[in-house]
């Protein structure tokens, strides 16, 4: 199971993940987000990032040229689309870059799960809302037929249950490893420990 720590924006955040080594980190390029980081600043952070960690750029209904520019500048290793981007947009973007594309789906019902299953994106992410910090009804996704990133309200209190119930391809966390709106080293460390513990238990089953 992969781990993504999203919403990094400080040099100390990079220090935290370089020590703990999640599989992915996320830079938020949506200006309305309180975790927004300008591409120029993200480029500096990426230079400090351990190369074993993949940087994902999170965009919300962004002009395609903007995404392509950030990719070409090697600021990110993967693109996450978190807006209303449709299949046509995804296919066009795939034609302009070989960067893996992760499409986020807000799960409100069965239709959203079906859309995720049929998406041409390289990966899909299932979320409860745009940074709401609350989990959605996980029972809606128990029968999904493709691997997915699980996001939306994951934290130290519900992570174990999420892994045991769903066994996602990856877990994605942001506010769940923060204190006062900023990334908390101890919480990230514990989050990753829980993931490791649960993977060990699943491997023995």
N, C-alpha and C. Protein backbone atom coordinates (compact mmCIF):
# COMPACT_ATOMS: atom_id res chain seq x y z
N UNK A 1 0.83 -1.19 0.00
CA UNK A 1 0.00 0.00 0.00
C UNK A 1 0.87 1.25 0.00
N UNK A 2 0.53 2.19 -0.87
CA UNK A 2 1.29 3.43 -0.99
C UNK A 2 0.75 4.49 -0.04
N UNK A 3 1.61 5.45 0.27
CA UNK A 3 1.23 6.54 1.18
C UNK A 3 1.54 7.87 0.52
N UNK A 4 0.56 8.78 0.55
CA UNK A 4 0.75 10.14 0.03
C UNK A 4 0.44 11.16 1.11
N UNK A 5 1.40 12.03 1.35
CA UNK A 5 1.23 13.13 2.30
C UNK A 5 1.06 14.39 1.47
N UNK A 6 -0.12 14.99 1.53
CA UNK A 6 -0.44 16.10 0.63
C UNK A 6 -0.41 17.45 1.35
N UNK A 7 -0.19 18.51 0.57
CA UNK A 7 -0.25 19.86 1.10
C UNK A 7 1.03 20.36 1.74
N UNK A 8 2.18 19.89 1.25
CA UNK A 8 3.45 20.36 1.80
C UNK A 8 3.76 21.77 1.26
N UNK A 9 4.32 22.61 2.12
CA UNK A 9 4.62 23.99 1.68
C UNK A 9 5.79 24.64 2.39
N UNK A 10 6.44 23.92 3.31
CA UNK A 10 7.58 24.51 4.02
C UNK A 10 8.80 23.60 3.89
N UNK A 11 9.98 24.19 4.08
CA UNK A 11 11.20 23.41 4.03
C UNK A 11 11.20 22.32 5.10
N UNK A 12 10.63 22.61 6.26
CA UNK A 12 10.61 21.60 7.32
C UNK A 12 9.67 20.44 6.96
N UNK A 13 8.63 20.71 6.15
CA UNK A 13 7.78 19.63 5.69
C UNK A 13 8.58 18.64 4.86
N UNK A 14 9.46 19.18 4.02
CA UNK A 14 10.32 18.33 3.19
C UNK A 14 11.28 17.53 4.07
N UNK A 15 11.79 18.16 5.10
CA UNK A 15 12.68 17.45 6.03
C UNK A 15 11.94 16.28 6.69
N UNK A 16 10.70 16.51 7.07
CA UNK A 16 9.90 15.45 7.69
C UNK A 16 9.78 14.24 6.77
N UNK A 17 9.36 14.49 5.53
CA UNK A 17 9.11 13.36 4.62
C UNK A 17 10.41 12.72 4.14
N UNK A 18 11.47 13.49 4.05
CA UNK A 18 12.76 12.89 3.66
C UNK A 18 13.22 11.87 4.69
N UNK A 19 12.88 12.10 5.94
CA UNK A 19 13.22 11.15 6.99
C UNK A 19 12.28 9.95 6.99
N UNK A 20 10.98 10.21 6.78
CA UNK A 20 9.97 9.16 6.94
C UNK A 20 9.66 8.40 5.65
N UNK A 21 9.96 8.99 4.50
CA UNK A 21 9.86 8.35 3.18
C UNK A 21 8.49 7.78 2.81
N UNK A 22 7.47 8.65 2.71
CA UNK A 22 6.24 8.20 2.07
C UNK A 22 6.51 8.00 0.58
N UNK A 23 5.58 7.39 -0.12
CA UNK A 23 5.78 7.16 -1.55
C UNK A 23 5.55 8.42 -2.38
N UNK A 24 4.61 9.24 -1.93
CA UNK A 24 4.24 10.46 -2.66
C UNK A 24 4.07 11.63 -1.69
N UNK A 25 4.31 12.82 -2.20
CA UNK A 25 3.91 14.04 -1.49
C UNK A 25 3.13 14.88 -2.49
N UNK A 26 2.34 15.82 -1.98
CA UNK A 26 1.55 16.65 -2.87
C UNK A 26 1.80 18.14 -2.66
N UNK A 27 1.94 18.84 -3.78
CA UNK A 27 1.98 20.31 -3.78
C UNK A 27 0.64 20.80 -4.31
N UNK A 28 0.00 21.71 -3.61
CA UNK A 28 -1.31 22.23 -4.01
C UNK A 28 -1.11 23.48 -4.85
N UNK A 29 -1.54 23.42 -6.11
CA UNK A 29 -1.41 24.57 -7.01
C UNK A 29 -2.74 25.27 -7.24
N UNK A 30 -3.74 24.96 -6.43
CA UNK A 30 -5.03 25.65 -6.51
C UNK A 30 -4.97 26.87 -5.59
N UNK A 31 -5.04 28.05 -6.16
CA UNK A 31 -4.80 29.28 -5.40
C UNK A 31 -5.81 29.52 -4.29
N UNK A 32 -6.99 28.94 -4.39
CA UNK A 32 -8.00 29.14 -3.34
C UNK A 32 -7.72 28.33 -2.09
N UNK A 33 -6.82 27.36 -2.18
CA UNK A 33 -6.50 26.50 -1.04
C UNK A 33 -5.57 27.23 -0.07
N UNK A 34 -5.79 27.00 1.21
CA UNK A 34 -4.88 27.59 2.21
C UNK A 34 -3.53 26.91 2.18
N UNK A 35 -3.44 25.78 1.51
CA UNK A 35 -2.15 25.08 1.39
C UNK A 35 -1.48 25.37 0.04
N UNK A 36 -1.98 26.37 -0.65
CA UNK A 36 -1.42 26.73 -1.96
C UNK A 36 0.07 27.06 -1.86
N UNK A 37 0.81 26.56 -2.83
CA UNK A 37 2.22 26.91 -2.93
C UNK A 37 2.50 27.31 -4.37
N UNK A 38 3.11 28.48 -4.62
CA UNK A 38 3.40 28.90 -5.99
C UNK A 38 4.39 27.93 -6.65
N UNK A 39 4.28 27.70 -7.95
CA UNK A 39 5.20 26.77 -8.62
C UNK A 39 6.68 27.08 -8.38
N UNK A 40 7.04 28.34 -8.32
CA UNK A 40 8.44 28.69 -8.10
C UNK A 40 8.91 28.22 -6.73
N UNK A 41 8.04 28.32 -5.73
CA UNK A 41 8.39 27.86 -4.39
C UNK A 41 8.41 26.33 -4.34
N UNK A 42 7.46 25.72 -5.04
CA UNK A 42 7.43 24.26 -5.10
C UNK A 42 8.70 23.72 -5.76
N UNK A 43 9.21 24.45 -6.74
CA UNK A 43 10.44 24.02 -7.42
C UNK A 43 11.61 23.97 -6.43
N UNK A 44 11.67 24.95 -5.55
CA UNK A 44 12.74 24.96 -4.54
C UNK A 44 12.58 23.80 -3.57
N UNK A 45 11.35 23.52 -3.19
CA UNK A 45 11.09 22.40 -2.28
C UNK A 45 11.41 21.07 -2.95
N UNK A 46 11.07 20.97 -4.25
CA UNK A 46 11.33 19.73 -4.98
C UNK A 46 12.83 19.43 -5.05
N UNK A 47 13.64 20.47 -5.16
CA UNK A 47 15.09 20.29 -5.20
C UNK A 47 15.61 19.64 -3.92
N UNK A 48 14.92 19.88 -2.81
CA UNK A 48 15.34 19.33 -1.52
C UNK A 48 14.74 17.96 -1.24
N UNK A 49 13.77 17.54 -2.07
CA UNK A 49 13.04 16.31 -1.82
C UNK A 49 13.86 15.08 -2.19
N UNK A 50 13.83 14.08 -1.32
CA UNK A 50 14.50 12.80 -1.61
C UNK A 50 13.96 12.25 -2.94
N UNK A 51 14.82 11.90 -3.87
CA UNK A 51 14.35 11.43 -5.19
C UNK A 51 13.54 10.15 -5.15
N UNK A 52 13.56 9.45 -4.03
CA UNK A 52 12.74 8.24 -3.91
C UNK A 52 11.26 8.57 -3.71
N UNK A 53 10.96 9.83 -3.39
CA UNK A 53 9.59 10.28 -3.17
C UNK A 53 9.09 11.00 -4.41
N UNK A 54 7.93 10.63 -4.91
CA UNK A 54 7.35 11.27 -6.08
C UNK A 54 6.50 12.47 -5.67
N UNK A 55 6.71 13.59 -6.36
CA UNK A 55 5.94 14.80 -6.09
C UNK A 55 4.73 14.87 -7.02
N UNK A 56 3.55 15.06 -6.44
CA UNK A 56 2.31 15.17 -7.20
C UNK A 56 1.83 16.61 -7.15
N UNK A 57 1.49 17.16 -8.30
CA UNK A 57 0.94 18.51 -8.35
C UNK A 57 -0.57 18.45 -8.41
N UNK A 58 -1.24 19.13 -7.49
CA UNK A 58 -2.71 19.10 -7.40
C UNK A 58 -3.28 20.37 -8.05
N UNK A 59 -4.10 20.17 -9.08
CA UNK A 59 -4.69 21.28 -9.83
C UNK A 59 -6.21 21.17 -9.80
N UNK A 60 -6.88 22.32 -9.81
CA UNK A 60 -8.35 22.35 -9.85
C UNK A 60 -8.78 23.20 -11.04
N UNK A 61 -9.26 22.52 -12.09
CA UNK A 61 -9.75 23.20 -13.30
C UNK A 61 -8.73 24.22 -13.82
N UNK A 62 -7.48 23.81 -13.87
CA UNK A 62 -6.41 24.71 -14.31
C UNK A 62 -6.28 24.69 -15.83
N UNK A 63 -5.80 25.80 -16.42
CA UNK A 63 -5.50 25.78 -17.85
C UNK A 63 -4.46 24.68 -18.12
N UNK A 64 -4.66 23.94 -19.19
CA UNK A 64 -3.76 22.82 -19.46
C UNK A 64 -2.32 23.28 -19.66
N UNK A 65 -2.14 24.44 -20.27
CA UNK A 65 -0.78 24.94 -20.50
C UNK A 65 -0.04 25.13 -19.18
N UNK A 66 -0.75 25.55 -18.15
CA UNK A 66 -0.13 25.74 -16.84
C UNK A 66 0.39 24.41 -16.30
N UNK A 67 -0.43 23.36 -16.43
CA UNK A 67 -0.03 22.04 -15.94
C UNK A 67 1.18 21.54 -16.71
N UNK A 68 1.12 21.66 -18.03
CA UNK A 68 2.22 21.17 -18.87
C UNK A 68 3.52 21.89 -18.52
N UNK A 69 3.43 23.19 -18.27
CA UNK A 69 4.63 23.96 -17.92
C UNK A 69 5.26 23.45 -16.62
N UNK A 70 4.43 23.21 -15.62
CA UNK A 70 4.94 22.72 -14.33
C UNK A 70 5.58 21.34 -14.49
N UNK A 71 4.97 20.50 -15.33
CA UNK A 71 5.55 19.18 -15.59
C UNK A 71 6.89 19.31 -16.30
N UNK A 72 6.92 20.13 -17.33
CA UNK A 72 8.15 20.29 -18.13
C UNK A 72 9.29 20.87 -17.32
N UNK A 73 8.96 21.66 -16.31
CA UNK A 73 9.99 22.23 -15.43
C UNK A 73 10.46 21.23 -14.38
N UNK A 74 9.89 20.01 -14.42
CA UNK A 74 10.26 18.91 -13.52
C UNK A 74 10.03 19.25 -12.05
N UNK A 75 9.01 20.07 -11.81
CA UNK A 75 8.64 20.39 -10.44
C UNK A 75 7.85 19.24 -9.83
N UNK A 76 7.14 18.51 -10.70
CA UNK A 76 6.32 17.39 -10.23
C UNK A 76 6.57 16.15 -11.08
N UNK A 77 6.23 15.01 -10.51
CA UNK A 77 6.39 13.72 -11.19
C UNK A 77 5.04 13.13 -11.61
N UNK A 78 3.94 13.68 -11.12
CA UNK A 78 2.60 13.21 -11.44
C UNK A 78 1.62 14.37 -11.28
N UNK A 79 0.51 14.28 -11.99
CA UNK A 79 -0.52 15.32 -11.97
C UNK A 79 -1.77 14.78 -11.30
N UNK A 80 -2.33 15.56 -10.37
CA UNK A 80 -3.62 15.21 -9.78
C UNK A 80 -4.65 16.26 -10.18
N UNK A 81 -5.72 15.82 -10.81
CA UNK A 81 -6.80 16.71 -11.23
C UNK A 81 -7.92 16.62 -10.22
N UNK A 82 -8.24 17.74 -9.57
CA UNK A 82 -9.19 17.70 -8.48
C UNK A 82 -10.39 18.61 -8.73
N UNK A 83 -10.68 18.85 -10.02
CA UNK A 83 -11.82 19.69 -10.34
C UNK A 83 -12.83 18.95 -11.19
N UNK A 84 -13.41 19.64 -12.17
CA UNK A 84 -14.44 19.06 -13.01
C UNK A 84 -13.89 18.58 -14.35
N UNK A 85 -12.59 18.33 -14.41
CA UNK A 85 -11.95 17.88 -15.65
C UNK A 85 -12.59 16.58 -16.14
N UNK A 86 -13.02 16.57 -17.41
CA UNK A 86 -13.69 15.38 -17.94
C UNK A 86 -12.71 14.45 -18.65
N UNK A 87 -13.25 13.34 -19.20
CA UNK A 87 -12.39 12.36 -19.85
C UNK A 87 -11.65 12.95 -21.04
N UNK A 88 -12.30 13.85 -21.76
CA UNK A 88 -11.65 14.49 -22.90
C UNK A 88 -10.44 15.30 -22.48
N UNK A 89 -10.58 16.03 -21.39
CA UNK A 89 -9.47 16.83 -20.86
C UNK A 89 -8.31 15.90 -20.46
N UNK A 90 -8.66 14.81 -19.79
CA UNK A 90 -7.62 13.87 -19.34
C UNK A 90 -6.87 13.29 -20.53
N UNK A 91 -7.59 12.86 -21.56
CA UNK A 91 -6.94 12.27 -22.73
C UNK A 91 -6.06 13.27 -23.46
N UNK A 92 -6.53 14.51 -23.53
CA UNK A 92 -5.73 15.55 -24.19
C UNK A 92 -4.46 15.81 -23.40
N UNK A 93 -4.57 15.86 -22.08
CA UNK A 93 -3.40 16.07 -21.24
C UNK A 93 -2.43 14.90 -21.37
N UNK A 94 -2.96 13.70 -21.45
CA UNK A 94 -2.11 12.53 -21.63
C UNK A 94 -1.34 12.61 -22.95
N UNK A 95 -1.93 13.25 -23.93
CA UNK A 95 -1.27 13.41 -25.22
C UNK A 95 -0.18 14.45 -25.21
N UNK A 96 -0.20 15.30 -24.20
CA UNK A 96 0.79 16.39 -24.12
C UNK A 96 1.91 16.12 -23.13
N UNK A 97 1.76 15.08 -22.32
CA UNK A 97 2.79 14.75 -21.34
C UNK A 97 2.73 13.27 -21.03
N UNK A 98 3.89 12.71 -20.69
CA UNK A 98 3.90 11.29 -20.29
C UNK A 98 3.84 11.15 -18.77
N UNK A 99 3.52 12.25 -18.09
CA UNK A 99 3.42 12.25 -16.64
C UNK A 99 2.15 11.50 -16.21
N UNK A 100 2.23 10.59 -15.23
CA UNK A 100 1.02 9.89 -14.76
C UNK A 100 -0.03 10.88 -14.28
N UNK A 101 -1.29 10.57 -14.57
CA UNK A 101 -2.39 11.45 -14.20
C UNK A 101 -3.30 10.74 -13.20
N UNK A 102 -3.55 11.43 -12.10
CA UNK A 102 -4.43 10.94 -11.03
C UNK A 102 -5.67 11.83 -11.02
N UNK A 103 -6.83 11.24 -11.23
CA UNK A 103 -8.08 12.00 -11.24
C UNK A 103 -8.87 11.75 -9.95
N UNK A 104 -9.24 12.83 -9.29
CA UNK A 104 -10.00 12.73 -8.04
C UNK A 104 -11.50 12.74 -8.33
N UNK A 105 -12.22 11.91 -7.60
CA UNK A 105 -13.68 11.84 -7.70
C UNK A 105 -14.28 12.05 -6.32
N UNK A 106 -15.21 12.97 -6.22
CA UNK A 106 -15.95 13.19 -4.98
C UNK A 106 -17.07 12.15 -4.95
N UNK A 107 -17.05 11.27 -3.96
CA UNK A 107 -18.00 10.17 -3.90
C UNK A 107 -19.25 10.58 -3.14
N UNK A 108 -20.33 10.75 -3.90
CA UNK A 108 -21.63 11.06 -3.29
C UNK A 108 -22.65 9.95 -3.57
N UNK A 109 -22.29 9.05 -4.49
CA UNK A 109 -23.21 7.97 -4.82
C UNK A 109 -22.58 6.97 -5.77
N UNK A 110 -23.37 6.00 -6.20
CA UNK A 110 -22.88 4.93 -7.06
C UNK A 110 -22.37 5.47 -8.39
N UNK A 111 -23.02 6.50 -8.91
CA UNK A 111 -22.60 7.07 -10.19
C UNK A 111 -21.16 7.58 -10.17
N UNK A 112 -20.76 8.14 -9.05
CA UNK A 112 -19.39 8.65 -8.93
C UNK A 112 -18.38 7.50 -8.94
N UNK A 113 -18.75 6.39 -8.32
CA UNK A 113 -17.87 5.22 -8.31
C UNK A 113 -17.75 4.64 -9.71
N UNK A 114 -18.85 4.59 -10.45
CA UNK A 114 -18.81 4.08 -11.82
C UNK A 114 -17.95 4.97 -12.70
N UNK A 115 -18.07 6.27 -12.51
CA UNK A 115 -17.25 7.21 -13.30
C UNK A 115 -15.77 6.99 -13.02
N UNK A 116 -15.43 6.75 -11.76
CA UNK A 116 -14.04 6.49 -11.40
C UNK A 116 -13.53 5.21 -12.04
N UNK A 117 -14.37 4.18 -12.04
CA UNK A 117 -13.98 2.91 -12.63
C UNK A 117 -13.69 3.04 -14.12
N UNK A 118 -14.40 3.92 -14.80
CA UNK A 118 -14.29 4.05 -16.24
C UNK A 118 -13.33 5.15 -16.67
N UNK A 119 -12.76 5.87 -15.75
CA UNK A 119 -11.89 7.01 -16.09
C UNK A 119 -10.65 6.56 -16.85
N UNK A 120 -10.23 7.33 -17.86
CA UNK A 120 -9.00 7.02 -18.58
C UNK A 120 -7.73 7.43 -17.83
N UNK A 121 -7.89 8.04 -16.67
CA UNK A 121 -6.73 8.46 -15.88
C UNK A 121 -5.89 7.24 -15.47
N UNK A 122 -4.61 7.47 -15.25
CA UNK A 122 -3.72 6.38 -14.84
C UNK A 122 -4.09 5.86 -13.45
N UNK A 123 -4.52 6.77 -12.59
CA UNK A 123 -4.94 6.42 -11.23
C UNK A 123 -6.19 7.22 -10.90
N UNK A 124 -6.98 6.72 -9.95
CA UNK A 124 -8.12 7.49 -9.47
C UNK A 124 -8.00 7.65 -7.95
N UNK A 125 -8.55 8.77 -7.48
CA UNK A 125 -8.57 9.07 -6.05
C UNK A 125 -10.02 9.27 -5.64
N UNK A 126 -10.42 8.64 -4.57
CA UNK A 126 -11.79 8.74 -4.08
C UNK A 126 -11.80 9.60 -2.82
N UNK A 127 -12.60 10.65 -2.84
CA UNK A 127 -12.57 11.66 -1.79
C UNK A 127 -13.99 11.99 -1.35
N UNK A 128 -14.08 12.62 -0.20
CA UNK A 128 -15.38 13.01 0.32
C UNK A 128 -15.74 14.44 0.02
N UNK A 129 -14.78 15.23 -0.43
CA UNK A 129 -15.02 16.64 -0.70
C UNK A 129 -13.71 17.35 -0.90
N UNK A 130 -13.77 18.61 -1.19
CA UNK A 130 -12.55 19.38 -1.44
C UNK A 130 -11.95 19.86 -0.12
N UNK A 131 -11.20 18.99 0.51
CA UNK A 131 -10.54 19.36 1.75
C UNK A 131 -11.47 19.52 2.92
N UNK A 132 -12.56 18.77 2.94
CA UNK A 132 -13.53 18.91 4.03
C UNK A 132 -13.00 18.36 5.35
N UNK A 133 -12.04 17.44 5.26
CA UNK A 133 -11.50 16.84 6.47
C UNK A 133 -12.39 15.78 7.08
N UNK A 134 -13.46 15.40 6.36
CA UNK A 134 -14.40 14.41 6.87
C UNK A 134 -14.44 13.20 5.93
N UNK A 135 -14.49 11.99 6.48
CA UNK A 135 -14.59 10.80 5.63
C UNK A 135 -15.98 10.68 5.01
N UNK A 136 -16.06 10.03 3.86
CA UNK A 136 -17.35 9.78 3.25
C UNK A 136 -17.81 8.37 3.63
N UNK A 137 -18.94 7.96 3.09
CA UNK A 137 -19.50 6.65 3.39
C UNK A 137 -18.71 5.59 2.63
N UNK A 138 -17.81 4.92 3.31
CA UNK A 138 -16.93 3.96 2.65
C UNK A 138 -17.68 2.76 2.08
N UNK A 139 -18.87 2.48 2.56
CA UNK A 139 -19.61 1.33 2.05
C UNK A 139 -19.91 1.48 0.56
N UNK A 140 -19.89 2.70 0.07
CA UNK A 140 -20.20 2.95 -1.34
C UNK A 140 -19.11 2.45 -2.28
N UNK A 141 -17.90 2.22 -1.76
CA UNK A 141 -16.78 1.89 -2.65
C UNK A 141 -16.23 0.48 -2.42
N UNK A 142 -16.90 -0.31 -1.61
CA UNK A 142 -16.37 -1.64 -1.29
C UNK A 142 -16.29 -2.57 -2.50
N UNK A 143 -17.09 -2.31 -3.53
CA UNK A 143 -17.11 -3.18 -4.69
C UNK A 143 -16.44 -2.57 -5.92
N UNK A 144 -15.68 -1.50 -5.74
CA UNK A 144 -15.01 -0.87 -6.88
C UNK A 144 -14.03 -1.86 -7.50
N UNK A 145 -13.90 -1.80 -8.82
CA UNK A 145 -13.14 -2.82 -9.54
C UNK A 145 -11.73 -2.40 -9.94
N UNK A 146 -11.30 -1.20 -9.57
CA UNK A 146 -9.93 -0.80 -9.92
C UNK A 146 -9.23 -0.26 -8.68
N UNK A 147 -7.91 -0.34 -8.64
CA UNK A 147 -7.17 0.20 -7.50
C UNK A 147 -7.42 1.71 -7.38
N UNK A 148 -7.31 2.23 -6.15
CA UNK A 148 -7.59 3.65 -5.95
C UNK A 148 -6.81 4.20 -4.76
N UNK A 149 -6.65 5.52 -4.79
CA UNK A 149 -6.14 6.27 -3.65
C UNK A 149 -7.35 6.63 -2.79
N UNK A 150 -7.28 6.35 -1.50
CA UNK A 150 -8.35 6.72 -0.58
C UNK A 150 -7.98 8.01 0.14
N UNK A 151 -8.86 9.00 0.03
CA UNK A 151 -8.63 10.30 0.67
C UNK A 151 -9.91 10.75 1.35
N UNK A 152 -9.84 11.89 2.00
CA UNK A 152 -11.03 12.47 2.61
C UNK A 152 -11.21 12.09 4.06
N UNK A 153 -10.69 12.90 4.96
CA UNK A 153 -10.94 12.69 6.37
C UNK A 153 -10.14 11.60 7.04
N UNK A 154 -9.12 11.08 6.38
CA UNK A 154 -8.29 10.08 7.05
C UNK A 154 -7.47 10.73 8.16
N UNK A 155 -7.36 10.04 9.29
CA UNK A 155 -6.58 10.56 10.41
C UNK A 155 -6.10 9.39 11.27
N UNK A 156 -5.43 9.70 12.35
CA UNK A 156 -4.86 8.65 13.20
C UNK A 156 -5.93 7.79 13.86
N UNK A 157 -7.15 8.32 13.99
CA UNK A 157 -8.22 7.58 14.66
C UNK A 157 -8.95 6.60 13.74
N UNK A 158 -9.02 6.90 12.44
CA UNK A 158 -9.80 6.02 11.56
C UNK A 158 -8.97 5.30 10.50
N UNK A 159 -7.67 5.55 10.47
CA UNK A 159 -6.83 4.95 9.43
C UNK A 159 -6.82 3.43 9.49
N UNK A 160 -6.68 2.89 10.68
CA UNK A 160 -6.65 1.43 10.83
C UNK A 160 -7.92 0.81 10.28
N UNK A 161 -9.06 1.37 10.63
CA UNK A 161 -10.34 0.85 10.16
C UNK A 161 -10.44 0.93 8.64
N UNK A 162 -9.97 2.06 8.07
CA UNK A 162 -10.04 2.23 6.62
C UNK A 162 -9.23 1.16 5.90
N UNK A 163 -8.03 0.88 6.40
CA UNK A 163 -7.18 -0.11 5.75
C UNK A 163 -7.78 -1.50 5.88
N UNK A 164 -8.28 -1.81 7.07
CA UNK A 164 -8.85 -3.14 7.31
C UNK A 164 -10.11 -3.36 6.47
N UNK A 165 -10.96 -2.35 6.35
CA UNK A 165 -12.22 -2.49 5.64
C UNK A 165 -12.04 -2.48 4.12
N UNK A 166 -11.12 -1.64 3.64
CA UNK A 166 -11.08 -1.37 2.21
C UNK A 166 -9.83 -1.89 1.50
N UNK A 167 -8.70 -1.92 2.18
CA UNK A 167 -7.47 -2.35 1.53
C UNK A 167 -7.15 -1.54 0.28
N UNK A 168 -7.12 -0.22 0.37
CA UNK A 168 -6.89 0.61 -0.83
C UNK A 168 -5.48 0.44 -1.39
N UNK A 169 -5.32 0.82 -2.64
CA UNK A 169 -3.99 0.83 -3.26
C UNK A 169 -3.08 1.83 -2.55
N UNK A 170 -3.67 2.97 -2.17
CA UNK A 170 -2.90 4.03 -1.51
C UNK A 170 -3.81 4.81 -0.57
N UNK A 171 -3.22 5.42 0.44
CA UNK A 171 -3.95 6.34 1.32
C UNK A 171 -3.34 7.73 1.18
N UNK A 172 -4.20 8.74 1.22
CA UNK A 172 -3.79 10.12 0.96
C UNK A 172 -4.29 10.98 2.12
N UNK A 173 -3.38 11.68 2.76
CA UNK A 173 -3.75 12.46 3.95
C UNK A 173 -3.17 13.86 3.88
N UNK A 174 -3.90 14.81 4.44
CA UNK A 174 -3.39 16.18 4.54
C UNK A 174 -3.70 16.73 5.93
N UNK A 175 -4.96 17.16 6.15
CA UNK A 175 -5.30 17.75 7.45
C UNK A 175 -5.16 16.76 8.59
N UNK A 176 -5.27 15.46 8.30
CA UNK A 176 -5.18 14.44 9.34
C UNK A 176 -3.82 14.30 9.97
N UNK A 177 -2.80 14.92 9.36
CA UNK A 177 -1.45 14.90 9.97
C UNK A 177 -0.97 16.34 10.22
N UNK A 178 -1.94 17.19 10.55
CA UNK A 178 -1.61 18.58 10.85
C UNK A 178 -2.02 18.95 12.27
N UNK A 179 -1.34 19.96 12.80
CA UNK A 179 -1.71 20.59 14.06
C UNK A 179 -1.73 22.09 13.82
N UNK A 180 -2.87 22.72 14.05
CA UNK A 180 -2.98 24.15 13.82
C UNK A 180 -2.79 24.54 12.37
N UNK A 181 -3.14 23.63 11.46
CA UNK A 181 -3.04 23.95 10.04
C UNK A 181 -1.69 23.71 9.41
N UNK A 182 -0.76 23.15 10.18
CA UNK A 182 0.59 22.90 9.65
C UNK A 182 0.97 21.44 9.87
N UNK A 183 1.78 20.91 8.97
CA UNK A 183 2.19 19.52 9.06
C UNK A 183 2.92 19.27 10.38
N UNK A 184 2.59 18.12 11.00
CA UNK A 184 3.10 17.75 12.31
C UNK A 184 3.93 16.48 12.15
N UNK A 185 5.22 16.58 12.43
CA UNK A 185 6.12 15.44 12.24
C UNK A 185 5.64 14.19 12.98
N UNK A 186 5.26 14.35 14.24
CA UNK A 186 4.85 13.20 15.04
C UNK A 186 3.62 12.52 14.45
N UNK A 187 2.69 13.31 13.93
CA UNK A 187 1.48 12.74 13.34
C UNK A 187 1.78 12.01 12.03
N UNK A 188 2.67 12.59 11.22
CA UNK A 188 3.05 11.91 9.97
C UNK A 188 3.73 10.58 10.31
N UNK A 189 4.60 10.61 11.28
CA UNK A 189 5.33 9.41 11.68
C UNK A 189 4.35 8.33 12.15
N UNK A 190 3.40 8.72 12.98
CA UNK A 190 2.44 7.75 13.50
C UNK A 190 1.53 7.23 12.39
N UNK A 191 1.15 8.10 11.48
CA UNK A 191 0.32 7.70 10.34
C UNK A 191 1.01 6.60 9.55
N UNK A 192 2.28 6.80 9.30
CA UNK A 192 3.05 5.82 8.52
C UNK A 192 3.27 4.53 9.31
N UNK A 193 3.41 4.65 10.62
CA UNK A 193 3.55 3.45 11.45
C UNK A 193 2.28 2.59 11.41
N UNK A 194 1.13 3.25 11.47
CA UNK A 194 -0.14 2.52 11.41
C UNK A 194 -0.26 1.80 10.07
N UNK A 195 0.11 2.48 8.99
CA UNK A 195 0.07 1.85 7.66
C UNK A 195 0.95 0.61 7.64
N UNK A 196 2.14 0.73 8.18
CA UNK A 196 3.07 -0.40 8.19
C UNK A 196 2.53 -1.55 9.03
N UNK A 197 1.98 -1.23 10.18
CA UNK A 197 1.41 -2.26 11.06
C UNK A 197 0.27 -3.00 10.37
N UNK A 198 -0.60 -2.26 9.70
CA UNK A 198 -1.75 -2.87 9.04
C UNK A 198 -1.34 -3.71 7.83
N UNK A 199 -0.33 -3.24 7.12
CA UNK A 199 0.16 -4.02 5.99
C UNK A 199 0.75 -5.34 6.46
N UNK A 200 1.45 -5.28 7.60
CA UNK A 200 2.01 -6.51 8.15
C UNK A 200 0.93 -7.50 8.53
N UNK A 201 -0.14 -7.01 9.10
CA UNK A 201 -1.25 -7.89 9.51
C UNK A 201 -1.96 -8.46 8.29
N UNK A 202 -2.17 -7.64 7.26
CA UNK A 202 -2.83 -8.13 6.06
C UNK A 202 -1.98 -9.17 5.35
N UNK A 203 -0.65 -8.97 5.43
CA UNK A 203 0.25 -9.93 4.78
C UNK A 203 0.24 -11.29 5.44
N UNK A 204 -0.11 -11.33 6.74
CA UNK A 204 -0.14 -12.60 7.48
C UNK A 204 -1.46 -13.33 7.34
N UNK A 205 -2.47 -12.62 6.83
CA UNK A 205 -3.81 -13.22 6.72
C UNK A 205 -3.88 -14.22 5.56
